[in-house]
N, C-alpha and C. Protein backbone atom coordinates (compact mmCIF):
# COMPACT_ATOMS: atom_id res chain seq x y z
N UNK A 1 3.94 -23.09 -5.11
CA UNK A 1 3.81 -22.22 -4.53
C UNK A 1 2.63 -20.96 -4.98
N UNK A 2 1.07 -20.07 -4.58
CA UNK A 2 0.66 -19.90 -5.65
C UNK A 2 1.02 -18.55 -5.96
N UNK A 3 1.51 -17.82 -7.44
CA UNK A 3 1.67 -16.59 -7.90
C UNK A 3 1.00 -15.15 -7.12
N UNK A 4 1.64 -14.12 -6.93
CA UNK A 4 0.11 -13.01 -6.66
C UNK A 4 -0.14 -12.73 -7.51
N UNK A 5 -1.34 -11.81 -7.16
CA UNK A 5 -2.37 -11.52 -8.34
C UNK A 5 -1.51 -10.18 -8.46
N UNK A 6 -2.05 -10.06 -9.99
CA UNK A 6 -1.37 -8.39 -10.52
C UNK A 6 -1.56 -7.63 -9.69
N UNK A 7 -2.80 -7.32 -9.72
CA UNK A 7 -3.47 -6.12 -8.36
C UNK A 7 -2.09 -6.05 -7.32
N UNK A 8 -1.77 -7.07 -6.60
CA UNK A 8 -1.07 -7.19 -5.16
C UNK A 8 0.44 -6.67 -5.68
N UNK A 9 1.16 -7.05 -6.99
CA UNK A 9 2.09 -7.17 -7.57
C UNK A 9 2.51 -5.07 -7.80
N UNK A 10 1.30 -4.74 -8.69
CA UNK A 10 0.60 -3.14 -8.58
C UNK A 10 1.20 -2.64 -7.21
N UNK A 11 0.10 -3.07 -6.23
CA UNK A 11 0.23 -2.63 -5.25
C UNK A 11 1.66 -2.02 -4.57
N UNK A 12 2.10 -3.18 -4.28
CA UNK A 12 3.54 -3.61 -3.92
C UNK A 12 4.25 -2.31 -4.53
N UNK A 13 4.54 -2.51 -5.59
CA UNK A 13 5.73 -1.15 -6.50
C UNK A 13 4.70 0.03 -6.10
N UNK A 14 3.48 0.40 -5.85
CA UNK A 14 2.98 1.72 -5.41
C UNK A 14 2.87 2.28 -4.17
N UNK A 15 2.74 1.15 -2.72
CA UNK A 15 3.07 1.14 -2.04
C UNK A 15 5.25 1.56 -1.76
N UNK A 16 5.61 0.58 -2.58
CA UNK A 16 7.28 0.71 -2.13
C UNK A 16 8.00 2.50 -3.06
N UNK A 17 6.95 2.39 -4.16
CA UNK A 17 7.34 4.32 -4.54
C UNK A 17 6.77 5.52 -3.68
N UNK A 18 5.62 4.71 -2.83
CA UNK A 18 5.29 6.06 -2.26
C UNK A 18 6.24 6.11 -0.51
N UNK A 19 6.66 5.18 0.15
CA UNK A 19 7.67 5.14 1.08
C UNK A 19 9.12 5.41 1.05
N UNK A 20 9.43 5.45 -0.42
CA UNK A 20 10.76 5.30 -0.63
C UNK A 20 11.25 6.74 0.41
N UNK A 21 10.38 7.62 0.46
CA UNK A 21 10.99 8.74 1.55
C UNK A 21 10.77 8.80 2.60
N UNK A 22 10.26 7.53 3.25
CA UNK A 22 9.72 7.16 4.47
C UNK A 22 8.34 8.55 5.01
N UNK A 23 8.04 8.87 4.14
CA UNK A 23 6.75 9.69 4.50
C UNK A 23 5.65 9.77 3.10
N UNK A 24 4.48 9.71 3.03
CA UNK A 24 3.04 9.28 2.68
C UNK A 24 2.02 10.53 2.93
N UNK A 25 1.81 10.73 1.67
CA UNK A 25 1.08 12.21 1.43
C UNK A 25 -0.14 11.70 1.52
N UNK A 26 -1.27 12.74 1.79
CA UNK A 26 -3.29 12.29 1.35
C UNK A 26 -3.14 11.46 0.36
N UNK A 27 -2.89 12.09 -0.63
CA UNK A 27 -2.81 11.21 -2.43
C UNK A 27 -2.05 10.56 -2.36
N UNK A 28 -0.73 10.25 -1.92
CA UNK A 28 -0.28 8.88 -2.09
C UNK A 28 -1.01 7.70 -1.15
N UNK A 29 -1.76 8.15 0.02
CA UNK A 29 -2.26 7.01 0.31
C UNK A 29 -3.61 6.13 0.08
N UNK A 30 -4.34 7.86 -0.87
CA UNK A 30 -5.40 7.55 -1.75
C UNK A 30 -5.52 6.36 -2.71
N UNK A 31 -4.45 7.06 -3.49
CA UNK A 31 -3.60 6.15 -4.02
C UNK A 31 -3.95 4.29 -3.52
N UNK A 32 -2.96 4.43 -3.17
CA UNK A 32 -2.82 2.93 -2.58
C UNK A 32 -4.08 2.45 -2.32
N UNK A 33 -5.01 3.28 -1.72
CA UNK A 33 -6.56 2.15 -1.13
C UNK A 33 -7.47 2.59 -1.86
N UNK A 34 -7.42 3.04 -3.36
CA UNK A 34 -7.90 2.74 -4.45
C UNK A 34 -7.18 2.01 -5.14
N UNK A 35 -6.47 1.55 -5.56
CA UNK A 35 -5.42 0.22 -6.25
C UNK A 35 -5.53 -0.71 -5.69
N UNK A 36 -6.10 -1.41 -4.41
CA UNK A 36 -6.69 -1.95 -3.71
C UNK A 36 -7.83 -2.62 -3.38
N UNK A 37 -8.73 -1.47 -4.21
CA UNK A 37 -10.22 -1.54 -3.90
C UNK A 37 -10.42 -1.73 -5.28
N UNK A 38 -9.94 -1.39 -6.43
CA UNK A 38 -10.04 -1.32 -8.08
C UNK A 38 -9.92 -2.79 -9.09
N UNK A 39 -9.66 -4.06 -8.46
CA UNK A 39 -11.02 -4.78 -8.66
C UNK A 39 -11.99 -4.99 -7.51
N UNK A 40 -12.45 -4.80 -7.06
CA UNK A 40 -13.98 -4.91 -6.15
C UNK A 40 -13.13 -6.40 -5.38
N UNK A 41 -11.65 -7.19 -4.77
CA UNK A 41 -11.39 -7.57 -4.33
C UNK A 41 -9.85 -7.13 -3.51
N UNK A 42 -10.13 -7.66 -2.41
CA UNK A 42 -8.62 -7.53 -1.84
C UNK A 42 -8.57 -9.04 -0.89
N UNK A 43 -7.42 -9.50 -1.92
CA UNK A 43 -7.09 -11.22 -2.25
C UNK A 43 -5.57 -10.96 -0.70
N UNK A 44 -5.42 -12.51 -0.42
CA UNK A 44 -4.79 -12.38 0.63
C UNK A 44 -3.28 -11.40 0.57
N UNK A 45 -2.96 -11.53 -0.68
CA UNK A 45 -1.53 -11.04 -0.75
C UNK A 45 -2.15 -9.49 -0.43
N UNK A 46 -2.65 -8.73 -0.82
CA UNK A 46 -2.88 -7.43 -0.98
C UNK A 46 -3.35 -7.08 0.45
N UNK A 47 -4.09 -8.00 1.29
CA UNK A 47 -4.11 -7.74 2.64
C UNK A 47 -2.94 -8.05 3.49
N UNK A 48 -1.71 -8.79 3.99
CA UNK A 48 -0.65 -8.95 3.71
C UNK A 48 0.08 -7.36 3.84
N UNK A 49 -0.03 -6.77 1.96
CA UNK A 49 0.54 -5.14 2.27
C UNK A 49 0.12 -4.89 2.67
N UNK A 50 -1.35 -4.07 3.11
CA UNK A 50 -1.93 -3.12 3.55
C UNK A 50 -1.88 -3.57 4.89
N UNK A 51 -1.05 -4.59 5.57
CA UNK A 51 -1.46 -4.53 7.33
C UNK A 51 0.12 -3.92 7.24
N UNK A 52 1.28 -4.64 6.58
CA UNK A 52 2.48 -3.73 6.80
C UNK A 52 2.49 -2.59 6.83
N UNK A 53 1.71 -2.24 5.57
CA UNK A 53 2.19 -0.68 5.62
C UNK A 53 1.59 0.64 6.54
N UNK A 54 0.14 -0.02 6.97
CA UNK A 54 -0.66 -0.12 8.03
C UNK A 54 0.44 -0.05 9.09
N UNK A 55 1.11 -0.94 9.51
CA UNK A 55 2.00 -1.13 11.04
C UNK A 55 3.21 0.56 10.64
N UNK A 56 3.53 0.21 9.28
CA UNK A 56 4.65 1.18 9.49
C UNK A 56 3.89 2.63 9.71
N UNK A 57 2.77 2.94 9.36
CA UNK A 57 2.18 4.43 9.39
C UNK A 57 1.78 4.20 11.03
N UNK A 58 1.66 3.10 11.97
CA UNK A 58 1.42 3.34 13.10
C UNK A 58 2.47 3.27 14.36
N UNK A 59 3.54 2.77 13.73
CA UNK A 59 4.68 2.33 14.19
C UNK A 59 5.59 3.97 14.35
N UNK A 60 5.63 4.24 13.16
CA UNK A 60 6.47 5.85 12.84
C UNK A 60 7.51 5.75 11.87
N UNK A 61 7.60 4.54 11.56
CA UNK A 61 8.74 4.13 10.42
C UNK A 61 8.34 5.07 9.36
N UNK A 62 7.27 5.10 8.96
CA UNK A 62 6.08 6.32 7.34
C UNK A 62 5.35 7.12 8.38
N UNK A 63 5.86 8.47 8.07
CA UNK A 63 5.44 9.94 8.54
C UNK A 63 3.67 9.84 7.06
N UNK A 64 2.58 10.29 7.82
CA UNK A 64 1.76 11.10 7.17
C UNK A 64 2.04 12.69 7.18
N UNK A 65 2.28 13.03 6.14
CA UNK A 65 2.29 14.43 5.80
C UNK A 65 1.33 14.92 4.92
N UNK A 66 0.98 16.23 4.78
CA UNK A 66 0.15 16.89 3.91
C UNK A 66 0.72 16.97 2.62
N UNK A 67 -0.07 16.75 1.66
CA UNK A 67 0.20 16.93 0.10
C UNK A 67 -0.20 16.35 -0.76
């Protein structure tokens, strides 16, 4: 099995940290997007993480808040 990229591991940590309180601020959201794009490539692991993250926002599991 292929080992996840370092950027995917970092992205997972950042997403988990940001949603730990079930809220996401605009600055946290921007950090996550910047991290995903930082190496210029969104690999399969990052795509999956971002899809899950977006689904959590879409279905209300994680609320977007000001901040």
